[in-house]
């Protein structure tokens, strides 16, 4: 049985944190030494006890083992939302082509915002062009916590190919210009930089640069910083000149 403290994690769907944000860092030596036993956790994944399933799914947010993937896919539709969200994050840590369609299905039908957020994060790690449509849908239509992670997940599509990156840019551009939540805009600025680096110079690239330059004057300092960082990494002359001019005027 999951307790009231665990359930409280699922109450506020606009909370921008992940329910797994406070877990020990994967590269922490102490956490590495304390990792659970893989064989035991594989058995727990198929347990009839909800607590054991949740513990096991969370364990595979740290452990990587392909044998867990079929079980984690099944747990995406578990009755307990904490099991589902943990399974989604675990599949993000254990990405597999076989998990892409089940994750997309769960995104479209899950009522819980935390679960959808975990699914969106996992989809970003899949590096698969099939995730483009649900990530755009999430960025355009979901709650703010899901939009936040959709914005950054879309930036990871640059690792697939230039065509997929180009297809993702219009939605990210629009969100950067119209999104009400500053953290989402900030992630859009970061993603535009990631997507633009694989584009050939042309109209779409120019639109992305122009949007990032405009974001240098965003009311939120975090958005400004992410836009500046993206432009600096791209090294685009127009972007660099805009940064220099704003800095000389003390506006950045």
Protein backbone atom coordinates (compact mmCIF):
# COMPACT_ATOMS: atom_id res chain seq x y z
CA UNK A 1 0.00 0.00 0.00
CA UNK A 2 1.27 3.49 -0.82
CA UNK A 3 1.00 6.02 1.98
CA UNK A 4 -0.54 9.50 2.10
CA UNK A 5 2.86 11.13 1.69
CA UNK A 6 3.32 9.30 -1.61
CA UNK A 7 -0.17 10.24 -2.74
CA UNK A 8 0.56 13.91 -2.04
CA UNK A 9 3.11 13.80 -4.84
CA UNK A 10 0.25 13.30 -7.25
CA UNK A 11 -2.07 16.03 -5.99
CA UNK A 12 -0.65 19.14 -7.64
CA UNK A 13 -0.35 18.52 -11.36
CA UNK A 14 1.18 21.96 -11.96
CA UNK A 15 4.14 21.19 -9.68
CA UNK A 16 7.14 21.44 -12.03
CA UNK A 17 9.29 18.98 -10.09
CA UNK A 18 9.56 15.31 -10.90
CA UNK A 19 8.37 12.86 -8.23
CA UNK A 20 11.82 11.29 -8.58
CA UNK A 21 13.78 14.56 -8.36
CA UNK A 22 14.84 13.88 -4.79
CA UNK A 23 16.17 10.38 -5.38
CA UNK A 24 19.92 9.91 -4.94
CA UNK A 25 21.99 10.91 -7.94
CA UNK A 26 22.86 8.01 -10.22
CA UNK A 27 26.56 8.97 -10.25
CA UNK A 28 26.78 9.37 -6.47
CA UNK A 29 29.33 6.78 -5.18
CA UNK A 30 27.27 6.15 -2.06
CA UNK A 31 24.16 5.58 -4.15
CA UNK A 32 26.11 3.27 -6.45
CA UNK A 33 27.16 1.11 -3.49
CA UNK A 34 23.59 1.01 -2.19
CA UNK A 35 21.95 -0.01 -5.46
CA UNK A 36 19.33 -2.74 -5.04
CA UNK A 37 19.90 -6.29 -6.18
CA UNK A 38 18.93 -6.65 -9.85
CA UNK A 39 17.65 -10.21 -9.58
CA UNK A 40 15.44 -9.39 -6.61
CA UNK A 41 14.07 -6.29 -8.33
CA UNK A 42 13.26 -8.30 -11.46
CA UNK A 43 11.16 -10.62 -9.31
CA UNK A 44 9.46 -7.65 -7.60
CA UNK A 45 8.41 -6.23 -10.98
CA UNK A 46 6.02 -9.17 -11.39
CA UNK A 47 4.83 -9.13 -7.78
CA UNK A 48 1.15 -9.07 -6.85
CA UNK A 49 2.07 -6.59 -4.08
CA UNK A 50 1.77 -2.96 -5.19
CA UNK A 51 4.55 -1.79 -2.86
CA UNK A 52 7.00 -4.31 -4.27
CA UNK A 53 6.10 -3.31 -7.83
CA UNK A 54 6.65 0.35 -6.99
CA UNK A 55 9.97 -0.35 -5.27
CA UNK A 56 11.15 -2.38 -8.25
CA UNK A 57 10.07 0.17 -10.84
CA UNK A 58 11.86 2.91 -8.92
CA UNK A 59 14.94 0.71 -8.66
CA UNK A 60 15.19 0.54 -12.43
CA UNK A 61 15.40 4.32 -12.52
CA UNK A 62 18.95 3.58 -11.30
CA UNK A 63 19.54 0.10 -12.70
CA UNK A 64 19.89 -0.73 -16.37
CA UNK A 65 18.94 -4.21 -17.47
CA UNK A 66 17.11 -5.12 -20.71
CA UNK A 67 15.30 -7.96 -18.93
CA UNK A 68 13.28 -5.35 -17.03
CA UNK A 69 11.82 -3.71 -20.13
CA UNK A 70 8.87 -6.08 -20.80
CA UNK A 71 7.82 -5.85 -17.15
CA UNK A 72 8.15 -2.06 -17.10
CA UNK A 73 6.01 -1.80 -20.21
CA UNK A 74 3.31 -3.84 -18.47
CA UNK A 75 3.55 -1.60 -15.40
CA UNK A 76 2.75 1.48 -17.51
CA UNK A 77 -0.89 0.43 -17.21
CA UNK A 78 -0.75 -0.52 -13.51
CA UNK A 79 -3.73 0.53 -11.40
CA UNK A 80 -1.44 2.49 -9.05
CA UNK A 81 -0.29 5.85 -10.49
CA UNK A 82 2.94 5.74 -8.48
CA UNK A 83 3.83 2.44 -10.14
CA UNK A 84 2.99 3.89 -13.56
CA UNK A 85 5.08 7.03 -13.10
CA UNK A 86 8.01 5.02 -11.77
CA UNK A 87 7.76 2.62 -14.71
CA UNK A 88 7.80 5.56 -17.11
CA UNK A 89 10.96 7.02 -15.59
CA UNK A 90 12.53 3.58 -15.50
CA UNK A 91 11.88 3.17 -19.22
CA UNK A 92 13.55 6.53 -19.73
CA UNK A 93 16.61 5.09 -18.00
CA UNK A 94 16.29 1.88 -19.99
CA UNK A 95 15.27 3.16 -23.44
CA UNK A 96 14.07 0.58 -25.96
CA UNK A 97 12.38 0.70 -29.35
CA UNK A 98 9.80 -1.75 -28.03
CA UNK A 99 8.71 0.75 -25.37
CA UNK A 100 8.02 3.67 -27.73
CA UNK A 101 4.47 2.76 -28.79
CA UNK A 102 3.37 1.67 -25.27
CA UNK A 103 4.69 4.97 -23.90
CA UNK A 104 2.84 6.94 -26.58
CA UNK A 105 -0.35 5.00 -25.86
CA UNK A 106 -0.02 5.72 -22.14
CA UNK A 107 0.57 9.41 -22.76
CA UNK A 108 -2.66 9.70 -24.75
CA UNK A 109 -4.84 7.87 -22.24
CA UNK A 110 -3.42 8.46 -18.73
CA UNK A 111 -5.45 10.81 -16.51
CA UNK A 112 -2.55 11.59 -14.17
CA UNK A 113 -0.28 14.54 -14.94
CA UNK A 114 2.70 13.08 -13.11
CA UNK A 115 2.50 9.94 -15.20
CA UNK A 116 2.23 11.90 -18.43
CA UNK A 117 5.23 13.97 -17.37
CA UNK A 118 7.27 10.84 -16.75
CA UNK A 119 6.17 9.43 -20.09
CA UNK A 120 7.16 12.65 -21.89
CA UNK A 121 10.61 12.53 -20.29
CA UNK A 122 11.01 8.88 -21.29
CA UNK A 123 9.93 9.62 -24.86
CA UNK A 124 12.64 12.25 -25.13
CA UNK A 125 15.22 9.62 -24.22
CA UNK A 126 13.98 7.18 -26.86
CA UNK A 127 15.64 9.03 -29.77
CA UNK A 128 12.87 7.84 -32.09
CA UNK A 129 11.01 9.94 -34.66
CA UNK A 130 7.69 8.43 -33.59
CA UNK A 131 7.78 10.53 -30.42
CA UNK A 132 7.51 13.83 -32.32
CA UNK A 133 3.70 13.93 -32.50
CA UNK A 134 3.00 13.18 -28.81
CA UNK A 135 5.72 15.58 -27.65
CA UNK A 136 4.27 18.40 -29.78
CA UNK A 137 0.81 17.53 -28.47
CA UNK A 138 2.12 17.71 -24.91
CA UNK A 139 3.83 21.05 -25.48
CA UNK A 140 0.73 22.59 -27.05
CA UNK A 141 -2.07 21.14 -24.93
CA UNK A 142 -1.02 19.68 -21.58
CA UNK A 143 -0.60 21.08 -18.06
CA UNK A 144 2.45 23.23 -17.34
CA UNK A 145 4.49 20.47 -15.67
CA UNK A 146 4.11 18.27 -18.74
CA UNK A 147 4.75 21.17 -21.12
CA UNK A 148 8.00 21.88 -19.28
CA UNK A 149 9.37 18.42 -19.95
CA UNK A 150 7.94 18.23 -23.45
CA UNK A 151 9.87 21.39 -24.32
CA UNK A 152 13.19 19.88 -23.27
CA UNK A 153 12.41 16.44 -24.72
CA UNK A 154 11.79 17.99 -28.12
CA UNK A 155 15.32 19.38 -28.06
CA UNK A 156 16.68 15.84 -27.84
CA UNK A 157 15.20 15.04 -31.25
CA UNK A 158 18.23 16.78 -32.72
CA UNK A 159 20.04 13.50 -32.06
CA UNK A 160 17.84 11.66 -34.58
CA UNK A 161 18.39 13.67 -37.77
CA UNK A 162 17.99 17.12 -39.29
CA UNK A 163 14.56 16.38 -40.81
CA UNK A 164 13.06 15.44 -37.45
CA UNK A 165 14.71 18.46 -35.83
CA UNK A 166 13.22 20.72 -38.50
CA UNK A 167 9.77 19.22 -37.96
CA UNK A 168 10.00 19.94 -34.22
CA UNK A 169 11.05 23.58 -34.54
CA UNK A 170 7.69 25.25 -35.41
CA UNK A 171 6.02 24.03 -32.21
CA UNK A 172 9.00 25.03 -30.06
CA UNK A 173 9.16 28.44 -31.75
CA UNK A 174 5.47 29.04 -31.11
CA UNK A 175 5.74 28.00 -27.47
CA UNK A 176 8.75 30.24 -26.88
CA UNK A 177 6.73 33.19 -28.17
CA UNK A 178 3.37 32.46 -26.53
CA UNK A 179 3.89 30.24 -23.45
CA UNK A 180 2.81 31.88 -20.17
CA UNK A 181 5.12 29.86 -17.89
CA UNK A 182 8.70 31.15 -17.86
CA UNK A 183 10.34 27.75 -17.10
CA UNK A 184 8.64 26.31 -20.19
CA UNK A 185 9.88 29.22 -22.31
CA UNK A 186 13.33 28.68 -20.89
CA UNK A 187 13.35 25.04 -21.96
CA UNK A 188 12.10 26.09 -25.38
CA UNK A 189 15.06 28.45 -25.74
CA UNK A 190 17.41 25.60 -24.85
CA UNK A 191 15.68 23.22 -27.25
CA UNK A 192 15.80 25.70 -30.12
CA UNK A 193 19.56 25.81 -29.71
CA UNK A 194 19.79 22.02 -29.76
CA UNK A 195 17.54 21.68 -32.80
CA UNK A 196 19.16 24.52 -34.73
CA UNK A 197 22.66 23.08 -34.49
CA UNK A 198 21.76 20.28 -36.92
CA UNK A 199 19.88 22.50 -39.41
CA UNK A 200 21.24 23.77 -42.67
CA UNK A 201 21.29 27.58 -42.85
CA UNK A 202 18.01 28.74 -44.32
CA UNK A 203 14.62 30.24 -43.52
CA UNK A 204 13.77 27.93 -40.63
CA UNK A 205 17.21 28.40 -39.10
CA UNK A 206 16.79 32.15 -39.44
CA UNK A 207 13.42 32.03 -37.70
CA UNK A 208 14.95 30.11 -34.81
CA UNK A 209 17.81 32.59 -34.44
CA UNK A 210 15.36 35.51 -34.53
CA UNK A 211 13.19 33.90 -31.85
CA UNK A 212 16.18 33.31 -29.58
CA UNK A 213 17.35 36.90 -30.08
CA UNK A 214 13.89 38.13 -29.12
CA UNK A 215 14.02 35.89 -26.04
CA UNK A 216 17.14 37.76 -24.91
CA UNK A 217 14.71 40.51 -23.87
CA UNK A 218 12.26 38.17 -22.13
CA UNK A 219 10.92 39.44 -18.80
CA UNK A 220 12.38 36.35 -17.10
CA UNK A 221 16.14 36.18 -16.46
CA UNK A 222 16.18 32.40 -16.81
CA UNK A 223 14.74 32.60 -20.31
CA UNK A 224 17.29 35.28 -21.19
CA UNK A 225 20.14 33.10 -19.97
CA UNK A 226 19.00 30.02 -21.85
CA UNK A 227 18.53 32.01 -25.05
CA UNK A 228 21.98 33.57 -24.63
CA UNK A 229 23.59 30.18 -23.96
CA UNK A 230 21.94 28.67 -27.03
CA UNK A 231 23.10 31.50 -29.27
CA UNK A 232 26.63 31.39 -27.90
CA UNK A 233 26.87 27.65 -28.53
CA UNK A 234 25.60 28.07 -32.08
CA UNK A 235 28.10 30.85 -32.72
CA UNK A 236 25.76 32.52 -35.18
CA UNK A 237 27.10 35.99 -36.10
CA UNK A 238 23.66 37.64 -35.91
CA UNK A 239 23.02 36.16 -32.48
CA UNK A 240 26.48 37.08 -31.19
CA UNK A 241 26.05 40.65 -32.37
CA UNK A 242 22.66 40.91 -30.63
CA UNK A 243 24.19 39.65 -27.38
CA UNK A 244 27.05 42.13 -27.64
CA UNK A 245 24.71 45.05 -28.27
CA UNK A 246 22.41 44.20 -25.37
CA UNK A 247 25.36 43.71 -23.03
CA UNK A 248 26.88 47.04 -24.06
CA UNK A 249 23.59 48.72 -23.12
CA UNK A 250 23.44 46.89 -19.80
CA UNK A 251 20.27 45.08 -20.83
CA UNK A 252 21.67 41.56 -20.63
